[in-house]
Amino acid sequence: LQAGWEGLGWSYIRLGTQGKAYRLWEHFRELMPDAWMPYNLLAQAAVMRQEWQVADGHFRKALQIKPDLFDLRFWHAQNLLRLGVPEEAEAIFRQLIKEEPDRLDIQINLANLLTHRLEYDEAVEIWRHVNAELPGNTGFLMDQAILEMRVGEMRAADQLCLDVLEIDPGNTRALMLRTSRMYPLQQDG
């Protein structure tokens, strides 16, 4: 039954009739106020409307009912970043990584959070792991290259730029980082 409510709502959204989906899920919540799913769907709808505070209330209610749902906690943590609550998001990301250490999407979120907090040493370690698991992603390689530079690993940063340029010869990020680092690398020998 719950899957039907969910599926019908997403169908409305795909057809461009979001209002019908939101009304349907509100009705779903009224009919099943003790179920976590309607709150999750309403949270997702609020995220789509960029109503972060509304989404937070729905995420918290869904988690109050079903606190062990992995993806729900992940989505909530992402929304906490939108609300400017990185400390709570970080705690959730770290817990989720303990539970499922192979989830690279969560590790990437944590690496980005740490980068924004200028905690480069831990962030670069995460990017090294991510890039070892997902080789060839130029965006991820450049994220690591920039952090390698910031932690003083200039040769590693330059090699990552070269790797990116081998994949994408016109990559502006790699070209600019190499140009900004070229003089110090030439002096190092």
N, C-alpha and C. Protein backbone atom coordinates (compact mmCIF):
# COMPACT_ATOMS: atom_id res chain seq x y z
N LEU A 1 0.82 -1.20 0.00
CA LEU A 1 0.00 0.00 0.00
C LEU A 1 0.87 1.27 0.00
N GLN A 2 1.88 1.29 0.89
CA GLN A 2 2.74 2.47 0.96
C GLN A 2 3.49 2.70 -0.35
N ALA A 3 3.93 1.61 -0.98
CA ALA A 3 4.64 1.74 -2.25
C ALA A 3 3.75 2.36 -3.32
N GLY A 4 2.46 2.08 -3.26
CA GLY A 4 1.52 2.67 -4.21
C GLY A 4 1.42 4.17 -4.05
N TRP A 5 1.33 4.64 -2.80
CA TRP A 5 1.29 6.08 -2.53
C TRP A 5 2.58 6.74 -3.02
N GLU A 6 3.69 6.09 -2.70
CA GLU A 6 4.98 6.64 -3.12
C GLU A 6 5.08 6.69 -4.64
N GLY A 7 4.80 5.57 -5.30
CA GLY A 7 4.93 5.48 -6.76
C GLY A 7 4.02 6.45 -7.49
N LEU A 8 2.79 6.58 -7.02
CA LEU A 8 1.85 7.49 -7.67
C LEU A 8 2.34 8.94 -7.53
N GLY A 9 2.85 9.29 -6.36
CA GLY A 9 3.37 10.64 -6.16
C GLY A 9 4.54 10.94 -7.08
N TRP A 10 5.49 9.98 -7.19
CA TRP A 10 6.64 10.21 -8.08
C TRP A 10 6.19 10.27 -9.53
N SER A 11 5.15 9.52 -9.87
CA SER A 11 4.62 9.61 -11.24
C SER A 11 4.08 11.00 -11.51
N TYR A 12 3.35 11.56 -10.56
CA TYR A 12 2.86 12.93 -10.70
C TYR A 12 4.02 13.90 -10.93
N ILE A 13 5.09 13.72 -10.15
CA ILE A 13 6.25 14.62 -10.27
C ILE A 13 6.87 14.48 -11.66
N ARG A 14 7.02 13.27 -12.13
CA ARG A 14 7.62 13.06 -13.46
C ARG A 14 6.75 13.64 -14.57
N LEU A 15 5.45 13.70 -14.32
CA LEU A 15 4.54 14.27 -15.31
C LEU A 15 4.45 15.80 -15.20
N GLY A 16 5.15 16.36 -14.21
CA GLY A 16 5.14 17.81 -14.05
C GLY A 16 3.99 18.34 -13.22
N THR A 17 3.30 17.47 -12.52
CA THR A 17 2.18 17.90 -11.67
C THR A 17 2.56 17.69 -10.20
N GLN A 18 3.61 18.43 -9.78
CA GLN A 18 4.14 18.29 -8.43
C GLN A 18 3.10 18.55 -7.35
N GLY A 19 2.24 19.52 -7.60
CA GLY A 19 1.21 19.86 -6.62
C GLY A 19 0.34 18.66 -6.26
N LYS A 20 0.01 17.86 -7.24
CA LYS A 20 -0.77 16.64 -6.99
C LYS A 20 0.00 15.68 -6.09
N ALA A 21 1.30 15.56 -6.35
CA ALA A 21 2.13 14.66 -5.53
C ALA A 21 2.16 15.14 -4.09
N TYR A 22 2.36 16.45 -3.88
CA TYR A 22 2.45 16.97 -2.52
C TYR A 22 1.13 16.77 -1.78
N ARG A 23 0.02 17.04 -2.48
CA ARG A 23 -1.30 16.85 -1.84
C ARG A 23 -1.54 15.37 -1.52
N LEU A 24 -1.12 14.50 -2.43
CA LEU A 24 -1.27 13.06 -2.21
C LEU A 24 -0.48 12.63 -0.98
N TRP A 25 0.75 13.09 -0.86
CA TRP A 25 1.58 12.68 0.26
C TRP A 25 1.11 13.32 1.57
N GLU A 26 0.54 14.51 1.51
CA GLU A 26 -0.07 15.10 2.71
C GLU A 26 -1.25 14.24 3.17
N HIS A 27 -2.04 13.80 2.21
CA HIS A 27 -3.18 12.93 2.53
C HIS A 27 -2.67 11.59 3.09
N PHE A 28 -1.63 11.06 2.52
CA PHE A 28 -0.99 9.84 3.00
C PHE A 28 -0.58 10.00 4.46
N ARG A 29 0.00 11.14 4.80
CA ARG A 29 0.41 11.41 6.19
C ARG A 29 -0.80 11.46 7.11
N GLU A 30 -1.89 12.08 6.64
CA GLU A 30 -3.10 12.16 7.46
C GLU A 30 -3.68 10.77 7.73
N LEU A 31 -3.61 9.90 6.73
CA LEU A 31 -4.15 8.54 6.88
C LEU A 31 -3.24 7.64 7.72
N MET A 32 -1.94 7.88 7.66
CA MET A 32 -0.98 7.03 8.36
C MET A 32 0.03 7.88 9.13
N PRO A 33 -0.42 8.59 10.17
CA PRO A 33 0.48 9.51 10.87
C PRO A 33 1.59 8.81 11.65
N ASP A 34 1.49 7.51 11.86
CA ASP A 34 2.52 6.79 12.60
C ASP A 34 3.49 6.05 11.69
N ALA A 35 3.37 6.24 10.40
CA ALA A 35 4.28 5.60 9.44
C ALA A 35 5.38 6.60 9.05
N TRP A 36 6.58 6.10 8.85
CA TRP A 36 7.70 6.97 8.52
C TRP A 36 7.67 7.43 7.06
N MET A 37 7.13 6.61 6.17
CA MET A 37 7.20 6.88 4.74
C MET A 37 6.58 8.21 4.32
N PRO A 38 5.38 8.57 4.79
CA PRO A 38 4.84 9.85 4.33
C PRO A 38 5.72 11.05 4.72
N TYR A 39 6.35 10.97 5.89
CA TYR A 39 7.22 12.07 6.31
C TYR A 39 8.47 12.12 5.43
N ASN A 40 8.99 10.95 5.07
CA ASN A 40 10.12 10.90 4.16
C ASN A 40 9.76 11.53 2.82
N LEU A 41 8.61 11.15 2.28
CA LEU A 41 8.20 11.70 0.99
C LEU A 41 7.97 13.20 1.06
N LEU A 42 7.38 13.66 2.15
CA LEU A 42 7.17 15.10 2.31
C LEU A 42 8.51 15.83 2.47
N ALA A 43 9.47 15.18 3.11
CA ALA A 43 10.80 15.77 3.22
C ALA A 43 11.44 15.89 1.84
N GLN A 44 11.33 14.84 1.03
CA GLN A 44 11.89 14.88 -0.32
C GLN A 44 11.22 15.98 -1.15
N ALA A 45 9.91 16.11 -0.99
CA ALA A 45 9.19 17.15 -1.71
C ALA A 45 9.66 18.55 -1.28
N ALA A 46 9.88 18.71 0.02
CA ALA A 46 10.36 20.00 0.52
C ALA A 46 11.76 20.30 -0.01
N VAL A 47 12.60 19.29 -0.11
CA VAL A 47 13.94 19.48 -0.68
C VAL A 47 13.83 19.95 -2.12
N MET A 48 12.93 19.32 -2.89
CA MET A 48 12.74 19.73 -4.29
C MET A 48 12.29 21.18 -4.39
N ARG A 49 11.54 21.66 -3.40
CA ARG A 49 11.08 23.05 -3.39
C ARG A 49 12.08 23.98 -2.70
N GLN A 50 13.21 23.41 -2.27
CA GLN A 50 14.25 24.14 -1.56
C GLN A 50 13.73 24.75 -0.26
N GLU A 51 12.86 24.04 0.39
CA GLU A 51 12.33 24.43 1.71
C GLU A 51 13.04 23.59 2.76
N TRP A 52 14.30 23.96 3.04
CA TRP A 52 15.18 23.13 3.87
C TRP A 52 14.65 22.94 5.29
N GLN A 53 14.10 23.99 5.87
CA GLN A 53 13.61 23.91 7.25
C GLN A 53 12.39 22.97 7.32
N VAL A 54 11.51 23.08 6.35
CA VAL A 54 10.34 22.18 6.29
C VAL A 54 10.82 20.74 6.12
N ALA A 55 11.79 20.54 5.24
CA ALA A 55 12.34 19.20 5.03
C ALA A 55 12.93 18.65 6.32
N ASP A 56 13.63 19.50 7.06
CA ASP A 56 14.24 19.05 8.31
C ASP A 56 13.19 18.53 9.29
N GLY A 57 12.07 19.24 9.40
CA GLY A 57 11.01 18.78 10.30
C GLY A 57 10.47 17.42 9.89
N HIS A 58 10.29 17.22 8.59
CA HIS A 58 9.79 15.93 8.11
C HIS A 58 10.83 14.83 8.28
N PHE A 59 12.10 15.14 8.01
CA PHE A 59 13.15 14.13 8.21
C PHE A 59 13.20 13.71 9.68
N ARG A 60 13.14 14.70 10.56
CA ARG A 60 13.23 14.39 12.00
C ARG A 60 12.04 13.54 12.45
N LYS A 61 10.87 13.82 11.94
CA LYS A 61 9.69 13.02 12.30
C LYS A 61 9.84 11.59 11.78
N ALA A 62 10.28 11.44 10.54
CA ALA A 62 10.48 10.10 9.97
C ALA A 62 11.51 9.33 10.78
N LEU A 63 12.60 10.00 11.18
CA LEU A 63 13.65 9.35 11.96
C LEU A 63 13.21 9.05 13.38
N GLN A 64 12.29 9.84 13.89
CA GLN A 64 11.73 9.57 15.23
C GLN A 64 10.96 8.23 15.18
N ILE A 65 10.27 8.00 14.08
CA ILE A 65 9.48 6.77 13.92
C ILE A 65 10.39 5.59 13.56
N LYS A 66 11.37 5.81 12.70
CA LYS A 66 12.23 4.74 12.19
C LYS A 66 13.68 5.22 12.20
N PRO A 67 14.34 5.26 13.37
CA PRO A 67 15.66 5.88 13.48
C PRO A 67 16.81 5.12 12.81
N ASP A 68 16.62 3.89 12.44
CA ASP A 68 17.72 3.10 11.90
C ASP A 68 17.82 3.11 10.38
N LEU A 69 16.97 3.86 9.70
CA LEU A 69 16.99 3.87 8.23
C LEU A 69 18.22 4.61 7.71
N PHE A 70 19.09 3.86 7.07
CA PHE A 70 20.39 4.37 6.63
C PHE A 70 20.25 5.55 5.67
N ASP A 71 19.56 5.34 4.54
CA ASP A 71 19.47 6.40 3.54
C ASP A 71 18.72 7.62 4.06
N LEU A 72 17.75 7.41 4.90
CA LEU A 72 17.02 8.54 5.48
C LEU A 72 17.96 9.40 6.33
N ARG A 73 18.83 8.75 7.09
CA ARG A 73 19.82 9.50 7.88
C ARG A 73 20.79 10.25 6.96
N PHE A 74 21.18 9.61 5.85
CA PHE A 74 22.08 10.26 4.89
C PHE A 74 21.42 11.50 4.29
N TRP A 75 20.19 11.35 3.84
CA TRP A 75 19.47 12.49 3.25
C TRP A 75 19.29 13.61 4.27
N HIS A 76 19.03 13.23 5.51
CA HIS A 76 18.87 14.23 6.57
C HIS A 76 20.19 14.99 6.77
N ALA A 77 21.31 14.25 6.78
CA ALA A 77 22.61 14.89 6.96
C ALA A 77 22.89 15.87 5.82
N GLN A 78 22.56 15.47 4.59
CA GLN A 78 22.75 16.38 3.46
C GLN A 78 21.91 17.64 3.64
N ASN A 79 20.70 17.48 4.13
CA ASN A 79 19.84 18.64 4.35
C ASN A 79 20.38 19.51 5.48
N LEU A 80 21.00 18.90 6.48
CA LEU A 80 21.60 19.68 7.57
C LEU A 80 22.70 20.59 7.03
N LEU A 81 23.42 20.14 6.01
CA LEU A 81 24.43 21.00 5.39
C LEU A 81 23.75 22.21 4.75
N ARG A 82 22.61 21.98 4.12
CA ARG A 82 21.88 23.10 3.49
C ARG A 82 21.42 24.10 4.54
N LEU A 83 21.13 23.60 5.73
CA LEU A 83 20.67 24.46 6.82
C LEU A 83 21.83 25.14 7.57
N GLY A 84 23.06 24.77 7.22
CA GLY A 84 24.20 25.36 7.90
C GLY A 84 24.47 24.74 9.26
N VAL A 85 24.26 23.43 9.38
CA VAL A 85 24.50 22.72 10.63
C VAL A 85 25.53 21.60 10.36
N PRO A 86 26.77 21.99 10.01
CA PRO A 86 27.75 20.98 9.60
C PRO A 86 28.17 20.02 10.71
N GLU A 87 28.16 20.46 11.96
CA GLU A 87 28.60 19.59 13.05
C GLU A 87 27.68 18.37 13.18
N GLU A 88 26.38 18.59 13.12
CA GLU A 88 25.43 17.49 13.21
C GLU A 88 25.53 16.60 11.97
N ALA A 89 25.69 17.22 10.81
CA ALA A 89 25.84 16.44 9.57
C ALA A 89 27.10 15.58 9.63
N GLU A 90 28.19 16.15 10.11
CA GLU A 90 29.44 15.40 10.19
C GLU A 90 29.30 14.18 11.09
N ALA A 91 28.65 14.35 12.23
CA ALA A 91 28.46 13.21 13.14
C ALA A 91 27.67 12.10 12.46
N ILE A 92 26.66 12.47 11.71
CA ILE A 92 25.85 11.47 10.99
C ILE A 92 26.68 10.81 9.90
N PHE A 93 27.41 11.59 9.11
CA PHE A 93 28.26 11.01 8.06
C PHE A 93 29.25 10.01 8.66
N ARG A 94 29.89 10.38 9.76
CA ARG A 94 30.89 9.49 10.38
C ARG A 94 30.24 8.19 10.87
N GLN A 95 29.05 8.30 11.45
CA GLN A 95 28.35 7.10 11.91
C GLN A 95 27.97 6.21 10.72
N LEU A 96 27.48 6.82 9.67
CA LEU A 96 27.09 6.04 8.49
C LEU A 96 28.30 5.34 7.86
N ILE A 97 29.44 6.01 7.84
CA ILE A 97 30.66 5.40 7.29
C ILE A 97 31.09 4.21 8.15
N LYS A 98 30.93 4.32 9.47
CA LYS A 98 31.23 3.17 10.34
C LYS A 98 30.33 1.99 10.00
N GLU A 99 29.07 2.27 9.71
CA GLU A 99 28.12 1.21 9.42
C GLU A 99 28.32 0.61 8.03
N GLU A 100 28.64 1.45 7.05
CA GLU A 100 28.84 0.99 5.67
C GLU A 100 30.07 1.68 5.09
N PRO A 101 31.26 1.15 5.41
CA PRO A 101 32.50 1.81 4.98
C PRO A 101 32.72 1.85 3.47
N ASP A 102 31.96 1.11 2.71
CA ASP A 102 32.14 1.11 1.25
C ASP A 102 31.30 2.17 0.54
N ARG A 103 30.49 2.92 1.26
CA ARG A 103 29.65 3.94 0.63
C ARG A 103 30.48 5.18 0.32
N LEU A 104 30.97 5.25 -0.91
CA LEU A 104 31.81 6.36 -1.33
C LEU A 104 31.05 7.68 -1.39
N ASP A 105 29.74 7.63 -1.67
CA ASP A 105 28.98 8.87 -1.74
C ASP A 105 28.99 9.59 -0.39
N ILE A 106 28.95 8.84 0.68
CA ILE A 106 28.98 9.45 2.01
C ILE A 106 30.38 9.97 2.32
N GLN A 107 31.39 9.21 1.92
CA GLN A 107 32.76 9.66 2.12
C GLN A 107 33.02 10.96 1.36
N ILE A 108 32.48 11.07 0.16
CA ILE A 108 32.65 12.30 -0.63
C ILE A 108 31.99 13.48 0.07
N ASN A 109 30.81 13.27 0.62
CA ASN A 109 30.16 14.34 1.38
C ASN A 109 31.01 14.77 2.57
N LEU A 110 31.58 13.79 3.28
CA LEU A 110 32.43 14.11 4.42
C LEU A 110 33.69 14.85 3.96
N ALA A 111 34.31 14.39 2.87
CA ALA A 111 35.51 15.06 2.37
C ALA A 111 35.21 16.51 2.00
N ASN A 112 34.09 16.75 1.36
CA ASN A 112 33.71 18.13 1.00
C ASN A 112 33.47 18.97 2.24
N LEU A 113 32.80 18.41 3.22
CA LEU A 113 32.56 19.14 4.47
C LEU A 113 33.88 19.50 5.13
N LEU A 114 34.80 18.53 5.23
CA LEU A 114 36.11 18.79 5.85
C LEU A 114 36.90 19.83 5.06
N THR A 115 36.81 19.78 3.74
CA THR A 115 37.50 20.76 2.91
C THR A 115 36.99 22.16 3.21
N HIS A 116 35.69 22.31 3.31
CA HIS A 116 35.11 23.63 3.60
C HIS A 116 35.50 24.12 4.99
N ARG A 117 35.81 23.20 5.89
CA ARG A 117 36.25 23.58 7.23
C ARG A 117 37.77 23.68 7.32
N LEU A 118 38.44 23.58 6.16
CA LEU A 118 39.90 23.71 6.05
C LEU A 118 40.64 22.59 6.78
N GLU A 119 40.03 21.44 6.89
CA GLU A 119 40.67 20.26 7.50
C GLU A 119 41.20 19.39 6.36
N TYR A 120 42.26 19.90 5.73
CA TYR A 120 42.76 19.32 4.50
C TYR A 120 43.39 17.94 4.66
N ASP A 121 44.09 17.71 5.76
CA ASP A 121 44.78 16.44 5.92
C ASP A 121 43.83 15.25 5.88
N GLU A 122 42.74 15.33 6.63
CA GLU A 122 41.78 14.23 6.63
C GLU A 122 41.02 14.18 5.30
N ALA A 123 40.68 15.33 4.77
CA ALA A 123 39.94 15.36 3.50
C ALA A 123 40.74 14.73 2.37
N VAL A 124 42.05 15.02 2.29
CA VAL A 124 42.87 14.47 1.21
C VAL A 124 42.98 12.95 1.35
N GLU A 125 43.01 12.45 2.56
CA GLU A 125 43.06 10.99 2.77
C GLU A 125 41.79 10.34 2.21
N ILE A 126 40.67 10.98 2.44
CA ILE A 126 39.41 10.44 1.92
C ILE A 126 39.43 10.47 0.40
N TRP A 127 39.89 11.59 -0.19
CA TRP A 127 39.94 11.67 -1.66
C TRP A 127 40.89 10.64 -2.25
N ARG A 128 42.00 10.38 -1.56
CA ARG A 128 42.92 9.34 -2.05
C ARG A 128 42.21 7.99 -2.12
N HIS A 129 41.45 7.70 -1.09
CA HIS A 129 40.70 6.44 -1.06
C HIS A 129 39.63 6.41 -2.16
N VAL A 130 38.89 7.48 -2.28
CA VAL A 130 37.82 7.55 -3.29
C VAL A 130 38.41 7.36 -4.68
N ASN A 131 39.50 8.06 -4.98
CA ASN A 131 40.10 7.96 -6.31
C ASN A 131 40.74 6.61 -6.57
N ALA A 132 41.18 5.93 -5.52
CA ALA A 132 41.69 4.56 -5.69
C ALA A 132 40.54 3.62 -6.06
N GLU A 133 39.36 3.89 -5.50
CA GLU A 133 38.19 3.04 -5.76
C GLU A 133 37.50 3.40 -7.07
N LEU A 134 37.52 4.69 -7.44
CA LEU A 134 36.85 5.18 -8.65
C LEU A 134 37.85 5.91 -9.54
N PRO A 135 38.78 5.21 -10.14
CA PRO A 135 39.80 5.90 -10.94
C PRO A 135 39.20 6.54 -12.19
N GLY A 136 39.83 7.66 -12.58
CA GLY A 136 39.47 8.28 -13.85
C GLY A 136 38.41 9.36 -13.79
N ASN A 137 37.87 9.67 -12.62
CA ASN A 137 36.89 10.74 -12.51
C ASN A 137 37.66 12.06 -12.38
N THR A 138 37.66 12.85 -13.43
CA THR A 138 38.50 14.05 -13.44
C THR A 138 38.12 15.06 -12.35
N GLY A 139 36.85 15.17 -12.06
CA GLY A 139 36.44 16.09 -10.99
C GLY A 139 36.98 15.67 -9.64
N PHE A 140 36.88 14.37 -9.35
CA PHE A 140 37.40 13.86 -8.08
C PHE A 140 38.92 13.96 -8.03
N LEU A 141 39.58 13.66 -9.15
CA LEU A 141 41.03 13.77 -9.20
C LEU A 141 41.48 15.21 -8.93
N MET A 142 40.76 16.17 -9.48
CA MET A 142 41.13 17.57 -9.26
C MET A 142 40.84 18.00 -7.83
N ASP A 143 39.77 17.49 -7.24
CA ASP A 143 39.52 17.80 -5.82
C ASP A 143 40.70 17.32 -4.98
N GLN A 144 41.18 16.11 -5.28
CA GLN A 144 42.35 15.60 -4.56
C GLN A 144 43.59 16.42 -4.87
N ALA A 145 43.80 16.79 -6.14
CA ALA A 145 44.99 17.56 -6.52
C ALA A 145 45.07 18.87 -5.74
N ILE A 146 43.97 19.54 -5.64
CA ILE A 146 43.95 20.83 -4.92
C ILE A 146 44.31 20.62 -3.46
N LEU A 147 43.77 19.55 -2.87
CA LEU A 147 44.09 19.28 -1.47
C LEU A 147 45.54 18.83 -1.30
N GLU A 148 46.04 18.05 -2.26
CA GLU A 148 47.46 17.65 -2.19
C GLU A 148 48.33 18.90 -2.16
N MET A 149 47.99 19.88 -2.98
CA MET A 149 48.73 21.14 -3.00
C MET A 149 48.64 21.83 -1.63
N ARG A 150 47.45 21.84 -1.08
CA ARG A 150 47.25 22.55 0.20
C ARG A 150 47.97 21.89 1.37
N VAL A 151 48.21 20.58 1.27
CA VAL A 151 48.95 19.91 2.35
C VAL A 151 50.44 19.81 2.02
N GLY A 152 50.87 20.49 0.94
CA GLY A 152 52.29 20.56 0.61
C GLY A 152 52.81 19.44 -0.27
N GLU A 153 51.94 18.63 -0.81
CA GLU A 153 52.35 17.53 -1.69
C GLU A 153 52.28 18.00 -3.15
N MET A 154 53.23 18.87 -3.50
CA MET A 154 53.20 19.51 -4.81
C MET A 154 53.39 18.53 -5.95
N ARG A 155 54.28 17.59 -5.80
CA ARG A 155 54.51 16.61 -6.87
C ARG A 155 53.28 15.74 -7.09
N ALA A 156 52.64 15.35 -6.01
CA ALA A 156 51.42 14.54 -6.13
C ALA A 156 50.33 15.36 -6.83
N ALA A 157 50.22 16.63 -6.47
CA ALA A 157 49.22 17.50 -7.10
C ALA A 157 49.50 17.63 -8.59
N ASP A 158 50.77 17.82 -8.95
CA ASP A 158 51.13 17.96 -10.35
C ASP A 158 50.85 16.67 -11.11
N GLN A 159 51.17 15.53 -10.51
CA GLN A 159 50.93 14.26 -11.20
C GLN A 159 49.43 14.04 -11.41
N LEU A 160 48.63 14.40 -10.45
CA LEU A 160 47.18 14.27 -10.62
C LEU A 160 46.69 15.16 -11.76
N CYS A 161 47.25 16.37 -11.85
CA CYS A 161 46.88 17.26 -12.96
C CYS A 161 47.27 16.63 -14.30
N LEU A 162 48.44 16.03 -14.35
CA LEU A 162 48.88 15.36 -15.58
C LEU A 162 47.94 14.20 -15.92
N ASP A 163 47.53 13.46 -14.89
CA ASP A 163 46.59 12.35 -15.11
C ASP A 163 45.27 12.86 -15.67
N VAL A 164 44.80 13.97 -15.13
CA VAL A 164 43.55 14.57 -15.61
C VAL A 164 43.71 15.03 -17.05
N LEU A 165 44.83 15.67 -17.35
CA LEU A 165 45.06 16.18 -18.71
C LEU A 165 45.21 15.05 -19.73
N GLU A 166 45.65 13.90 -19.27
CA GLU A 166 45.70 12.74 -20.17
C GLU A 166 44.29 12.28 -20.54
N ILE A 167 43.36 12.39 -19.59
CA ILE A 167 41.97 12.02 -19.83
C ILE A 167 41.24 13.12 -20.59
N ASP A 168 41.47 14.36 -20.15
CA ASP A 168 40.78 15.53 -20.70
C ASP A 168 41.81 16.64 -20.96
N PRO A 169 42.42 16.67 -22.15
CA PRO A 169 43.50 17.61 -22.44
C PRO A 169 43.14 19.09 -22.24
N GLY A 170 41.89 19.43 -22.30
CA GLY A 170 41.51 20.83 -22.15
C GLY A 170 40.97 21.17 -20.76
N ASN A 171 41.20 20.33 -19.79
CA ASN A 171 40.64 20.55 -18.44
C ASN A 171 41.24 21.82 -17.84
N THR A 172 40.41 22.82 -17.70
CA THR A 172 40.88 24.14 -17.23
C THR A 172 41.38 24.09 -15.80
N ARG A 173 40.72 23.34 -14.95
CA ARG A 173 41.16 23.26 -13.55
C ARG A 173 42.59 22.72 -13.49
N ALA A 174 42.85 21.66 -14.25
CA ALA A 174 44.19 21.05 -14.23
C ALA A 174 45.22 22.00 -14.83
N LEU A 175 44.87 22.64 -15.93
CA LEU A 175 45.80 23.59 -16.56
C LEU A 175 46.12 24.75 -15.63
N MET A 176 45.11 25.28 -14.98
CA MET A 176 45.33 26.42 -14.08
C MET A 176 46.13 26.02 -12.85
N LEU A 177 45.84 24.86 -12.29
CA LEU A 177 46.59 24.43 -11.11
C LEU A 177 48.05 24.16 -11.48
N ARG A 178 48.27 23.54 -12.61
CA ARG A 178 49.66 23.29 -13.06
C ARG A 178 50.37 24.62 -13.30
N THR A 179 49.70 25.57 -13.91
CA THR A 179 50.33 26.87 -14.18
C THR A 179 50.68 27.58 -12.88
N SER A 180 49.78 27.53 -11.92
CA SER A 180 50.04 28.22 -10.65
C SER A 180 51.13 27.53 -9.85
N ARG A 181 51.37 26.26 -10.11
CA ARG A 181 52.37 25.49 -9.37
C ARG A 181 53.66 25.29 -10.15
N MET A 182 53.71 25.66 -11.42
CA MET A 182 54.84 25.32 -12.28
C MET A 182 56.16 25.90 -11.76
N TYR A 183 56.18 27.16 -11.39
CA TYR A 183 57.44 27.79 -10.97
C TYR A 183 58.03 27.10 -9.74
N PRO A 184 57.25 26.87 -8.65
CA PRO A 184 57.84 26.17 -7.49
C PRO A 184 58.30 24.76 -7.85
N LEU A 185 57.60 24.04 -8.74
CA LEU A 185 58.03 22.69 -9.10
C LEU A 185 59.33 22.72 -9.88
N GLN A 186 59.53 23.72 -10.73
CA GLN A 186 60.76 23.80 -11.50
C GLN A 186 61.95 24.08 -10.59
N GLN A 187 61.72 24.87 -9.53
CA GLN A 187 62.82 25.18 -8.61
C GLN A 187 63.20 23.97 -7.76
N ASP A 188 62.21 23.09 -7.49
CA ASP A 188 62.48 21.91 -6.68
C ASP A 188 63.34 20.90 -7.43
N GLY A 189 63.44 21.02 -8.71
CA GLY A 189 64.30 20.12 -9.47
C GLY A 189 63.48 19.23 -10.29
